Amino acid sequence: MAGNTSTPGASVIGRALALLDAFDARHRRLTLAELARRADLPEPTAHRQVRELVAGGALHREPDGRYVVGRLLWNLGLLAPMQTGLREVASPFLHDLHAATRATVHLAVREGDAVLYLDRLSGHASVPVVSKLGSTLPLHPTGVGKVLLAHAPGSVCARVLAGLRPITAHTVVQPGVLAAQLDRIRRDGFATTVEEMTLGACSVAVPIRRGAEADAPVVAALGIVVPSLQRTKARLVSALQVAARGISRSL
């Protein structure tokens, strides 16, 4: 890709973009050799470029030597009109929901075949939560992920259903069972999980639409993580739906 570029400046930029483009939802941690191969660059060239990207914060080198997307790109991504506007609009509703439930609250969007966490307010209960601001997790074992998967294009659903992997002993990995769950989510307007992502953590989530109309496109998901849903599911679903409708109207 970069070799076809005539100017040296564009060639450097092209190589950097090729290396960054090597990452996707299925390839979030890459070795130098994998980066070079996926970017179609000689390994010495990739090494020089990756070193500069790490120094600038665009990439981060983990202790095992693999590379992941750095904080710089996350911070820049938050400046994109959709994500910035969504976080700003949703923020007061997230804080109200957090104050009312004292639980961990998530705002998330779909990024390829994964769920990307745009915002998170930590709960007061000692519930194990693995999500981090700016992190991605699989769609199928998370409440917000199931909501987003239920409203994703058919091609995304097909890929996810074909590659289900267990995270805990409770993760739904049978394509037929998950497909039936997605149908119920579209019908009922909410998703739940019970220890599918983390033992000791349950979640409930609802869609956020771009507009107040019932058929408006789903652009994000709003979720809550709690120790149990046995006695609180109906109350949490109601609180989430009120907040989601407020965000949708504002969008």
Protein backbone atom coordinates (compact mmCIF):
# COMPACT_ATOMS: atom_id res chain seq x y z
CA MET A 1 0.00 0.00 0.00
CA ALA A 2 2.65 2.51 1.04
CA GLY A 3 5.02 1.43 -1.74
CA ASN A 4 2.66 2.85 -4.36
CA THR A 5 2.75 6.32 -2.79
CA SER A 6 5.02 8.79 -4.53
CA THR A 7 5.84 11.26 -1.76
CA PRO A 8 7.91 10.27 1.29
CA GLY A 9 5.54 12.04 3.68
CA ALA A 10 2.52 10.21 2.36
CA SER A 11 4.49 6.96 2.45
CA VAL A 12 5.20 7.36 6.18
CA ILE A 13 1.55 8.21 6.87
CA GLY A 14 0.40 5.33 4.71
CA ARG A 15 2.58 2.87 6.61
CA ALA A 16 1.32 4.16 9.95
CA LEU A 17 -2.29 3.88 8.81
CA ALA A 18 -1.68 0.37 7.50
CA LEU A 19 -0.30 -0.69 10.87
CA LEU A 20 -3.22 0.86 12.76
CA ASP A 21 -5.68 -0.71 10.32
CA ALA A 22 -4.21 -4.13 11.18
CA PHE A 23 -6.27 -4.06 14.38
CA ASP A 24 -9.93 -5.04 14.37
CA ALA A 25 -12.44 -6.72 16.67
CA ARG A 26 -10.84 -10.13 16.07
CA HIS A 27 -7.26 -8.89 16.25
CA ARG A 28 -6.91 -6.63 19.28
CA ARG A 29 -3.47 -7.84 20.41
CA LEU A 30 -0.79 -8.39 17.77
CA THR A 31 2.88 -9.29 17.75
CA LEU A 32 5.30 -7.30 15.62
CA ALA A 33 5.40 -10.11 13.06
CA GLU A 34 1.60 -10.20 12.89
CA LEU A 35 1.45 -6.42 12.51
CA ALA A 36 3.98 -6.50 9.67
CA ARG A 37 2.13 -9.30 7.89
CA ARG A 38 -1.33 -7.76 8.23
CA ALA A 39 -0.01 -4.33 7.15
CA ASP A 40 1.93 -5.89 4.25
CA LEU A 41 5.19 -4.28 5.40
CA PRO A 42 8.73 -5.64 5.85
CA GLU A 43 9.31 -6.42 9.50
CA PRO A 44 12.23 -3.96 9.94
CA THR A 45 10.06 -1.17 8.47
CA ALA A 46 7.16 -2.15 10.69
CA HIS A 47 9.45 -2.19 13.72
CA ARG A 48 10.66 1.37 13.12
CA GLN A 49 7.13 2.64 12.54
CA VAL A 50 5.65 0.78 15.52
CA ARG A 51 8.36 2.19 17.78
CA GLU A 52 7.32 5.72 16.79
CA LEU A 53 3.63 4.91 17.24
CA VAL A 54 4.32 3.60 20.74
CA ALA A 55 6.36 6.70 21.59
CA GLY A 56 3.46 8.88 20.42
CA GLY A 57 0.82 6.95 22.37
CA ALA A 58 -1.00 5.56 19.33
CA LEU A 59 0.05 2.02 20.26
CA HIS A 60 0.91 0.40 23.57
CA ARG A 61 3.35 -2.47 24.08
CA GLU A 62 2.19 -5.00 26.65
CA PRO A 63 4.55 -6.95 28.94
CA ASP A 64 4.31 -10.05 26.73
CA GLY A 65 5.56 -8.04 23.74
CA ARG A 66 2.24 -7.77 21.93
CA TYR A 67 0.84 -4.44 20.82
CA VAL A 68 -2.61 -2.96 21.44
CA VAL A 69 -4.29 0.28 20.41
CA GLY A 70 -3.08 3.13 22.63
CA ARG A 71 -4.92 5.72 24.67
CA LEU A 72 -4.21 8.47 22.10
CA LEU A 73 -6.48 6.84 19.54
CA TRP A 74 -9.22 6.34 22.12
CA ASN A 75 -9.05 10.00 23.13
CA LEU A 76 -9.17 11.09 19.50
CA GLY A 77 -12.06 8.74 18.82
CA LEU A 78 -14.09 10.42 21.53
CA LEU A 79 -13.90 13.63 19.48
CA ALA A 80 -15.85 12.03 16.64
CA PRO A 81 -19.25 13.77 16.37
CA MET A 82 -21.35 10.66 17.04
CA GLN A 83 -19.48 9.46 20.14
CA THR A 84 -18.92 12.92 21.58
CA GLY A 85 -22.56 13.89 21.13
CA LEU A 86 -23.82 10.58 22.50
CA ARG A 87 -21.67 10.74 25.64
CA GLU A 88 -22.57 14.36 26.31
CA VAL A 89 -26.28 13.76 25.84
CA ALA A 90 -26.27 10.53 27.86
CA SER A 91 -24.13 11.78 30.76
CA PRO A 92 -26.88 13.31 32.98
CA PHE A 93 -29.11 10.29 32.45
CA LEU A 94 -26.26 7.93 33.38
CA HIS A 95 -25.61 9.87 36.56
CA ASP A 96 -29.31 9.86 37.50
CA LEU A 97 -29.48 6.12 36.87
CA HIS A 98 -26.33 5.55 38.89
CA ALA A 99 -27.68 7.59 41.81
CA ALA A 100 -31.00 5.73 41.75
CA THR A 101 -29.57 2.20 41.53
CA ARG A 102 -26.06 2.53 43.05
CA ALA A 103 -25.02 -0.06 40.47
CA THR A 104 -22.42 -0.03 37.72
CA VAL A 105 -23.89 1.70 34.65
CA HIS A 106 -22.62 1.24 31.10
CA LEU A 107 -23.04 3.18 27.86
CA ALA A 108 -21.86 1.13 24.90
CA VAL A 109 -21.88 0.94 21.11
CA ARG A 110 -21.07 -1.82 18.66
CA GLU A 111 -17.63 -1.76 17.07
CA GLY A 112 -17.50 -4.46 14.43
CA ASP A 113 -18.18 -7.76 16.18
CA ALA A 114 -17.45 -6.37 19.66
CA VAL A 115 -19.03 -4.01 22.18
CA LEU A 116 -17.14 -0.78 22.90
CA TYR A 117 -17.68 0.88 26.28
CA LEU A 118 -18.06 4.64 25.83
CA ASP A 119 -18.83 5.43 29.46
CA ARG A 120 -18.95 3.65 32.78
CA LEU A 121 -19.98 4.69 36.28
CA SER A 122 -18.82 2.22 38.94
CA GLY A 123 -21.36 0.83 41.37
CA HIS A 124 -21.13 0.71 45.15
CA ALA A 125 -21.69 -3.03 45.48
CA SER A 126 -18.74 -5.42 45.30
CA VAL A 127 -19.69 -6.91 41.94
CA PRO A 128 -16.85 -8.10 39.66
CA VAL A 129 -16.93 -6.00 36.47
CA VAL A 130 -14.30 -6.51 33.75
CA SER A 131 -15.30 -3.65 31.45
CA LYS A 132 -13.15 -0.54 31.29
CA LEU A 133 -13.74 2.82 29.68
CA GLY A 134 -12.63 2.48 26.08
CA SER A 135 -12.33 -1.31 26.23
CA THR A 136 -14.06 -3.84 24.01
CA LEU A 137 -15.64 -7.15 24.96
CA PRO A 138 -17.47 -9.86 23.02
CA LEU A 139 -21.07 -9.15 22.14
CA HIS A 140 -22.66 -12.46 23.09
CA PRO A 141 -21.95 -12.69 26.87
CA THR A 142 -22.75 -9.08 27.84
CA GLY A 143 -26.11 -7.40 28.36
CA VAL A 144 -25.29 -4.33 26.29
CA GLY A 145 -23.66 -6.58 23.71
CA LYS A 146 -26.77 -8.73 23.32
CA VAL A 147 -28.90 -5.63 22.81
CA LEU A 148 -26.54 -4.36 20.12
CA LEU A 149 -26.29 -7.80 18.51
CA ALA A 150 -30.08 -8.11 18.41
CA HIS A 151 -30.22 -4.92 16.32
CA ALA A 152 -27.07 -5.53 14.25
CA PRO A 153 -27.05 -6.36 10.53
CA GLY A 154 -27.65 -9.98 9.63
CA SER A 155 -24.05 -10.47 8.52
CA VAL A 156 -22.78 -9.48 11.98
CA CYS A 157 -25.24 -11.83 13.71
CA ALA A 158 -24.20 -14.68 11.42
CA ARG A 159 -20.49 -14.19 12.16
CA VAL A 160 -21.05 -13.98 15.92
CA LEU A 161 -23.35 -17.01 16.00
CA ALA A 162 -20.79 -19.00 14.02
CA GLY A 163 -17.96 -18.21 16.43
CA LEU A 164 -19.44 -18.39 19.94
CA ARG A 165 -16.87 -19.04 22.66
CA PRO A 166 -17.48 -19.68 26.39
CA ILE A 167 -16.22 -17.05 28.82
CA THR A 168 -17.68 -18.75 31.91
CA ALA A 169 -19.60 -21.98 32.44
CA HIS A 170 -22.81 -19.96 32.05
CA THR A 171 -22.03 -18.31 28.70
CA VAL A 172 -24.61 -19.13 26.03
CA VAL A 173 -22.69 -20.75 23.18
CA GLN A 174 -25.50 -22.64 21.41
CA PRO A 175 -26.38 -20.65 18.25
CA GLY A 176 -30.05 -21.65 18.39
CA VAL A 177 -30.42 -20.60 22.03
CA LEU A 178 -28.74 -17.25 21.43
CA ALA A 179 -30.78 -16.62 18.28
CA ALA A 180 -33.96 -17.20 20.31
CA GLN A 181 -32.69 -14.78 22.95
CA LEU A 182 -32.07 -12.13 20.28
CA ASP A 183 -35.65 -12.55 19.06
CA ARG A 184 -36.94 -12.00 22.62
CA ILE A 185 -34.73 -8.94 23.04
CA ARG A 186 -36.20 -7.38 19.89
CA ARG A 187 -39.71 -8.24 21.11
CA ASP A 188 -39.38 -7.33 24.81
CA GLY A 189 -36.99 -4.38 24.50
CA PHE A 190 -34.34 -5.55 26.97
CA ALA A 191 -31.61 -8.14 27.47
CA THR A 192 -30.33 -9.95 30.55
CA THR A 193 -27.28 -12.05 31.38
CA VAL A 194 -26.53 -14.21 34.42
CA GLU A 195 -22.81 -14.73 35.07
CA GLU A 196 -22.07 -15.10 31.35
CA MET A 197 -19.17 -12.63 31.29
CA THR A 198 -18.04 -12.77 34.93
CA LEU A 199 -19.00 -15.06 37.79
CA GLY A 200 -21.00 -13.17 40.40
CA ALA A 201 -22.22 -10.51 37.97
CA CYS A 202 -25.58 -10.23 36.21
CA SER A 203 -26.65 -7.53 33.79
CA VAL A 204 -29.70 -5.99 32.18
CA ALA A 205 -29.61 -3.63 29.21
CA VAL A 206 -31.89 -1.72 26.83
CA PRO A 207 -31.42 -0.09 23.42
CA ILE A 208 -30.90 3.62 22.80
CA ARG A 209 -32.45 4.82 19.56
CA ARG A 210 -31.73 7.89 17.47
CA GLY A 211 -35.06 9.55 18.07
CA ALA A 212 -38.22 8.85 20.03
CA GLU A 213 -39.93 6.74 17.34
CA ALA A 214 -40.30 3.04 18.12
CA ASP A 215 -38.70 2.10 14.79
CA ALA A 216 -35.81 4.58 15.03
CA PRO A 217 -32.40 2.94 14.51
CA VAL A 218 -30.58 1.60 17.56
CA VAL A 219 -27.30 3.48 18.01
CA ALA A 220 -26.18 2.38 21.49
CA ALA A 221 -27.09 0.36 24.56
CA LEU A 222 -27.53 1.30 28.20
CA GLY A 223 -26.86 -1.35 30.84
CA ILE A 224 -26.57 -2.06 34.56
CA VAL A 225 -24.46 -4.72 36.31
CA VAL A 226 -25.69 -6.12 39.64
CA PRO A 227 -25.07 -9.21 41.82
CA SER A 228 -28.50 -10.68 41.09
CA LEU A 229 -31.63 -9.99 39.04
CA GLN A 230 -34.02 -12.21 41.01
CA ARG A 231 -35.88 -9.42 42.79
CA THR A 232 -34.79 -6.31 40.91
CA LYS A 233 -35.13 -7.06 37.19
CA ALA A 234 -38.46 -5.33 36.63
CA ARG A 235 -37.38 -2.22 38.56
CA LEU A 236 -34.04 -2.01 36.73
CA VAL A 237 -35.63 -2.50 33.31
CA SER A 238 -38.09 0.29 34.05
CA ALA A 239 -35.33 2.66 35.21
CA LEU A 240 -33.19 1.84 32.18
CA GLN A 241 -36.05 2.36 29.74
CA VAL A 242 -36.89 5.76 31.23
CA ALA A 243 -33.25 6.84 30.90
CA ALA A 244 -32.92 5.39 27.40
CA ARG A 245 -36.05 7.21 26.22
CA GLY A 246 -34.66 10.46 27.58
CA ILE A 247 -31.38 9.95 25.73
CA SER A 248 -33.19 8.95 22.54
CA ARG A 249 -35.39 12.05 22.60
CA SER A 250 -32.32 14.24 23.11
CA LEU A 251 -30.54 12.60 20.18
